[in-house]
């Protein structure tokens, strides 16, 4: 993996991005902002499932309003995060802590999809089932974990 990562980070356009402060900074800002929107929209829906936020709107209506923004933010976060990691891919790809961060993000995304797919069924019931609330709570915890993993990665590894 390290050899593949070294090859990626030495691609001419990746090296140029890495060496040009304004380009790298722009990619970083896009990544942080899009991840904020992604996590924020997912967590608002999760909190609504839990009955702790946005209770004046129906769950289905809230999800329908937020999920399009969430998916745009998701793709922007994936692209910009991949570009950020590409600048030091030789160090990131074989790193356990980076793999853990990506794993937590993937788990959070899986739980986000489970919540999204469950909403049409849950809103047909007299009240949101406890199992749905557990899934939403796990989703919130995973998103917090994803944020902490991203923030702490440089402190733990010296990367970034």
C-alpha atoms as a PDB file:
ATOM      1  CA  UNK A   1       0.000   0.000   0.000  1.00  0.00           C
ATOM      2  CA  UNK A   2       2.826   2.375   0.822  1.00  0.00           C
ATOM      3  CA  UNK A   3       4.308   2.038  -2.690  1.00  0.00           C
ATOM      4  CA  UNK A   4       0.925   2.769  -4.260  1.00  0.00           C
ATOM      5  CA  UNK A   5       0.545   5.760  -1.944  1.00  0.00           C
ATOM      6  CA  UNK A   6       3.989   7.060  -2.872  1.00  0.00           C
ATOM      7  CA  UNK A   7       3.055   6.773  -6.549  1.00  0.00           C
ATOM      8  CA  UNK A   8      -0.152   8.766  -5.935  1.00  0.00           C
ATOM      9  CA  UNK A   9       1.522  11.565  -4.009  1.00  0.00           C
ATOM     10  CA  UNK A  10       4.176  11.942  -6.708  1.00  0.00           C
ATOM     11  CA  UNK A  11       1.673  12.439  -9.515  1.00  0.00           C
ATOM     12  CA  UNK A  12       2.422  15.840 -10.991  1.00  0.00           C
ATOM     13  CA  UNK A  13      -0.980  17.409 -10.251  1.00  0.00           C
ATOM     14  CA  UNK A  14      -1.095  16.032  -6.685  1.00  0.00           C
ATOM     15  CA  UNK A  15       2.422  17.339  -6.026  1.00  0.00           C
ATOM     16  CA  UNK A  16       1.414  20.724  -7.460  1.00  0.00           C
ATOM     17  CA  UNK A  17      -1.626  20.861  -5.187  1.00  0.00           C
ATOM     18  CA  UNK A  18       0.535  19.900  -2.208  1.00  0.00           C
ATOM     19  CA  UNK A  19       3.100  22.601  -2.983  1.00  0.00           C
ATOM     20  CA  UNK A  20       0.576  25.367  -3.712  1.00  0.00           C
ATOM     21  CA  UNK A  21      -0.746  26.659  -0.409  1.00  0.00           C
ATOM     22  CA  UNK A  22      -3.911  28.304  -1.731  1.00  0.00           C
ATOM     23  CA  UNK A  23      -4.992  25.202  -3.662  1.00  0.00           C
ATOM     24  CA  UNK A  24      -4.430  22.868  -0.711  1.00  0.00           C
ATOM     25  CA  UNK A  25      -6.129  25.339   1.640  1.00  0.00           C
ATOM     26  CA  UNK A  26      -9.127  25.609  -0.674  1.00  0.00           C
ATOM     27  CA  UNK A  27      -9.462  21.827  -0.830  1.00  0.00           C
ATOM     28  CA  UNK A  28      -9.205  21.684   2.974  1.00  0.00           C
ATOM     29  CA  UNK A  29     -11.891  24.320   3.479  1.00  0.00           C
ATOM     30  CA  UNK A  30     -14.186  22.494   1.041  1.00  0.00           C
ATOM     31  CA  UNK A  31     -13.557  19.250   2.942  1.00  0.00           C
ATOM     32  CA  UNK A  32     -14.259  20.721   6.381  1.00  0.00           C
ATOM     33  CA  UNK A  33     -17.342  22.627   5.244  1.00  0.00           C
ATOM     34  CA  UNK A  34     -18.827  19.706   3.316  1.00  0.00           C
ATOM     35  CA  UNK A  35     -18.143  17.315   6.197  1.00  0.00           C
ATOM     36  CA  UNK A  36     -19.836  19.795   8.544  1.00  0.00           C
ATOM     37  CA  UNK A  37     -22.931  19.857   6.309  1.00  0.00           C
ATOM     38  CA  UNK A  38     -22.870  16.058   5.925  1.00  0.00           C
ATOM     39  CA  UNK A  39     -22.626  15.387   9.644  1.00  0.00           C
ATOM     40  CA  UNK A  40     -24.963  18.220  10.585  1.00  0.00           C
ATOM     41  CA  UNK A  41     -27.787  17.099   8.333  1.00  0.00           C
ATOM     42  CA  UNK A  42     -27.406  13.432   9.288  1.00  0.00           C
ATOM     43  CA  UNK A  43     -27.341  14.218  13.003  1.00  0.00           C
ATOM     44  CA  UNK A  44     -30.360  16.550  12.795  1.00  0.00           C
ATOM     45  CA  UNK A  45     -32.373  13.703  11.235  1.00  0.00           C
ATOM     46  CA  UNK A  46     -31.016  11.275  13.852  1.00  0.00           C
ATOM     47  CA  UNK A  47     -31.990  13.662  16.642  1.00  0.00           C
ATOM     48  CA  UNK A  48     -35.452  13.989  15.101  1.00  0.00           C
ATOM     49  CA  UNK A  49     -35.792  10.196  15.133  1.00  0.00           C
ATOM     50  CA  UNK A  50     -34.855  10.328  18.811  1.00  0.00           C
ATOM     51  CA  UNK A  51     -37.489  13.050  19.361  1.00  0.00           C
ATOM     52  CA  UNK A  52     -34.899  15.576  20.553  1.00  0.00           C
ATOM     53  CA  UNK A  53     -34.858  18.100  17.683  1.00  0.00           C
ATOM     54  CA  UNK A  54     -37.042  19.617  14.970  1.00  0.00           C
ATOM     55  CA  UNK A  55     -40.187  18.154  16.504  1.00  0.00           C
ATOM     56  CA  UNK A  56     -42.435  20.676  14.770  1.00  0.00           C
ATOM     57  CA  UNK A  57     -41.714  19.042  11.413  1.00  0.00           C
ATOM     58  CA  UNK A  58     -42.645  15.550  10.431  1.00  0.00           C
ATOM     59  CA  UNK A  59     -39.720  13.171  10.240  1.00  0.00           C
ATOM     60  CA  UNK A  60     -40.381  12.427   6.566  1.00  0.00           C
ATOM     61  CA  UNK A  61     -40.596  16.118   5.672  1.00  0.00           C
ATOM     62  CA  UNK A  62     -37.372  16.938   7.524  1.00  0.00           C
ATOM     63  CA  UNK A  63     -35.515  14.041   5.902  1.00  0.00           C
ATOM     64  CA  UNK A  64     -36.784  14.984   2.437  1.00  0.00           C
ATOM     65  CA  UNK A  65     -35.511  18.539   2.954  1.00  0.00           C
ATOM     66  CA  UNK A  66     -32.101  17.629   4.374  1.00  0.00           C
ATOM     67  CA  UNK A  67     -31.012  14.485   2.567  1.00  0.00           C
ATOM     68  CA  UNK A  68     -30.384  16.112  -0.842  1.00  0.00           C
ATOM     69  CA  UNK A  69     -27.979  18.538   0.865  1.00  0.00           C
ATOM     70  CA  UNK A  70     -26.435  15.665   2.744  1.00  0.00           C
ATOM     71  CA  UNK A  71     -25.655  13.688  -0.413  1.00  0.00           C
ATOM     72  CA  UNK A  72     -24.109  16.712  -2.156  1.00  0.00           C
ATOM     73  CA  UNK A  73     -21.983  17.322   0.935  1.00  0.00           C
ATOM     74  CA  UNK A  74     -21.073  13.616   1.060  1.00  0.00           C
ATOM     75  CA  UNK A  75     -19.632  13.625  -2.450  1.00  0.00           C
ATOM     76  CA  UNK A  76     -17.790  16.905  -1.899  1.00  0.00           C
ATOM     77  CA  UNK A  77     -16.320  15.520   1.345  1.00  0.00           C
ATOM     78  CA  UNK A  78     -15.242  12.283  -0.362  1.00  0.00           C
ATOM     79  CA  UNK A  79     -13.578  14.086  -3.259  1.00  0.00           C
ATOM     80  CA  UNK A  80     -11.891  16.795  -1.186  1.00  0.00           C
ATOM     81  CA  UNK A  81     -10.821  14.358   1.553  1.00  0.00           C
ATOM     82  CA  UNK A  82      -9.331  12.026  -1.022  1.00  0.00           C
ATOM     83  CA  UNK A  83      -7.404  14.915  -2.532  1.00  0.00           C
ATOM     84  CA  UNK A  84      -6.114  15.951   0.897  1.00  0.00           C
ATOM     85  CA  UNK A  85      -5.004  12.409   1.714  1.00  0.00           C
ATOM     86  CA  UNK A  86      -3.417  12.002  -1.729  1.00  0.00           C
ATOM     87  CA  UNK A  87      -0.788  14.616  -0.884  1.00  0.00           C
ATOM     88  CA  UNK A  88       0.652  12.239   1.774  1.00  0.00           C
ATOM     89  CA  UNK A  89      -0.830   8.969   0.515  1.00  0.00           C
ATOM     90  CA  UNK A  90       2.383   7.026   1.133  1.00  0.00           C
ATOM     91  CA  UNK A  91       2.041   7.791   4.835  1.00  0.00           C
ATOM     92  CA  UNK A  92      -1.758   7.685   5.152  1.00  0.00           C
ATOM     93  CA  UNK A  93      -2.654   4.481   3.309  1.00  0.00           C
ATOM     94  CA  UNK A  94      -0.643   2.031   5.454  1.00  0.00           C
ATOM     95  CA  UNK A  95      -1.475   3.857   8.703  1.00  0.00           C
ATOM     96  CA  UNK A  96      -3.739   2.001  11.167  1.00  0.00           C
ATOM     97  CA  UNK A  97      -5.205   5.230  12.596  1.00  0.00           C
ATOM     98  CA  UNK A  98      -6.121   6.501   9.122  1.00  0.00           C
ATOM     99  CA  UNK A  99      -7.743   3.151   8.329  1.00  0.00           C
ATOM    100  CA  UNK A 100      -9.662   3.367  11.615  1.00  0.00           C
ATOM    101  CA  UNK A 101     -10.877   6.875  10.736  1.00  0.00           C
ATOM    102  CA  UNK A 102     -12.089   5.733   7.320  1.00  0.00           C
ATOM    103  CA  UNK A 103     -13.739   2.700   8.927  1.00  0.00           C
ATOM    104  CA  UNK A 104     -15.658   4.861  11.403  1.00  0.00           C
ATOM    105  CA  UNK A 105     -16.810   7.152   8.577  1.00  0.00           C
ATOM    106  CA  UNK A 106     -17.985   4.136   6.558  1.00  0.00           C
ATOM    107  CA  UNK A 107     -19.886   2.758   9.562  1.00  0.00           C
ATOM    108  CA  UNK A 108     -21.499   6.161  10.137  1.00  0.00           C
ATOM    109  CA  UNK A 109     -22.558   6.251   6.479  1.00  0.00           C
ATOM    110  CA  UNK A 110     -24.039   2.761   6.735  1.00  0.00           C
ATOM    111  CA  UNK A 111     -26.097   3.780   9.755  1.00  0.00           C
ATOM    112  CA  UNK A 112     -27.139   6.974   7.966  1.00  0.00           C
ATOM    113  CA  UNK A 113     -28.464   4.895   5.061  1.00  0.00           C
ATOM    114  CA  UNK A 114     -30.250   2.551   7.485  1.00  0.00           C
ATOM    115  CA  UNK A 115     -31.975   5.556   9.078  1.00  0.00           C
ATOM    116  CA  UNK A 116     -32.910   6.983   5.681  1.00  0.00           C
ATOM    117  CA  UNK A 117     -34.362   3.705   4.467  1.00  0.00           C
ATOM    118  CA  UNK A 118     -36.230   3.170   7.718  1.00  0.00           C
ATOM    119  CA  UNK A 119     -37.981   6.531   7.798  1.00  0.00           C
ATOM    120  CA  UNK A 120     -40.823   5.632   5.370  1.00  0.00           C
ATOM    121  CA  UNK A 121     -41.670   2.597   7.525  1.00  0.00           C
ATOM    122  CA  UNK A 122     -41.275   4.381  10.852  1.00  0.00           C
ATOM    123  CA  UNK A 123     -43.545   7.302   9.997  1.00  0.00           C
ATOM    124  CA  UNK A 124     -46.386   4.874   9.242  1.00  0.00           C
ATOM    125  CA  UNK A 125     -46.330   3.598  12.823  1.00  0.00           C
ATOM    126  CA  UNK A 126     -48.087   5.262  15.782  1.00  0.00           C
ATOM    127  CA  UNK A 127     -44.674   6.057  17.288  1.00  0.00           C
ATOM    128  CA  UNK A 128     -41.078   5.607  16.255  1.00  0.00           C
ATOM    129  CA  UNK A 129     -39.879   2.173  17.422  1.00  0.00           C
ATOM    130  CA  UNK A 130     -37.175   1.826  20.057  1.00  0.00           C
ATOM    131  CA  UNK A 131     -35.016  -0.082  17.579  1.00  0.00           C
ATOM    132  CA  UNK A 132     -35.086   2.950  15.250  1.00  0.00           C
ATOM    133  CA  UNK A 133     -34.035   5.190  18.118  1.00  0.00           C
ATOM    134  CA  UNK A 134     -31.152   2.866  18.943  1.00  0.00           C
ATOM    135  CA  UNK A 135     -29.999   2.975  15.309  1.00  0.00           C
ATOM    136  CA  UNK A 136     -30.219   6.786  15.320  1.00  0.00           C
ATOM    137  CA  UNK A 137     -28.290   7.005  18.599  1.00  0.00           C
ATOM    138  CA  UNK A 138     -25.559   4.733  17.238  1.00  0.00           C
ATOM    139  CA  UNK A 139     -25.432   6.924  14.133  1.00  0.00           C
ATOM    140  CA  UNK A 140     -24.883  10.050  16.257  1.00  0.00           C
ATOM    141  CA  UNK A 141     -22.120   8.323  18.235  1.00  0.00           C
ATOM    142  CA  UNK A 142     -20.441   7.171  15.017  1.00  0.00           C
ATOM    143  CA  UNK A 143     -20.544  10.683  13.541  1.00  0.00           C
ATOM    144  CA  UNK A 144     -18.984  12.068  16.722  1.00  0.00           C
ATOM    145  CA  UNK A 145     -16.363   9.333  16.429  1.00  0.00           C
ATOM    146  CA  UNK A 146     -15.706  10.273  12.797  1.00  0.00           C
ATOM    147  CA  UNK A 147     -15.153  13.896  13.777  1.00  0.00           C
ATOM    148  CA  UNK A 148     -12.854  12.973  16.653  1.00  0.00           C
ATOM    149  CA  UNK A 149     -10.910  10.543  14.482  1.00  0.00           C
ATOM    150  CA  UNK A 150     -10.353  13.225  11.855  1.00  0.00           C
ATOM    151  CA  UNK A 151      -9.359  15.864  14.384  1.00  0.00           C
ATOM    152  CA  UNK A 152      -7.084  13.582  16.398  1.00  0.00           C
ATOM    153  CA  UNK A 153      -5.398  11.844  13.466  1.00  0.00           C
ATOM    154  CA  UNK A 154      -2.649  14.487  13.147  1.00  0.00           C
ATOM    155  CA  UNK A 155      -2.058  14.516  16.918  1.00  0.00           C
ATOM    156  CA  UNK A 156      -1.770  10.722  17.143  1.00  0.00           C
ATOM    157  CA  UNK A 157       0.214  10.102  13.954  1.00  0.00           C
ATOM    158  CA  UNK A 158       1.978  13.359  13.180  1.00  0.00           C
ATOM    159  CA  UNK A 159       0.341  13.291   9.744  1.00  0.00           C
ATOM    160  CA  UNK A 160      -1.647  16.175   8.328  1.00  0.00           C
END
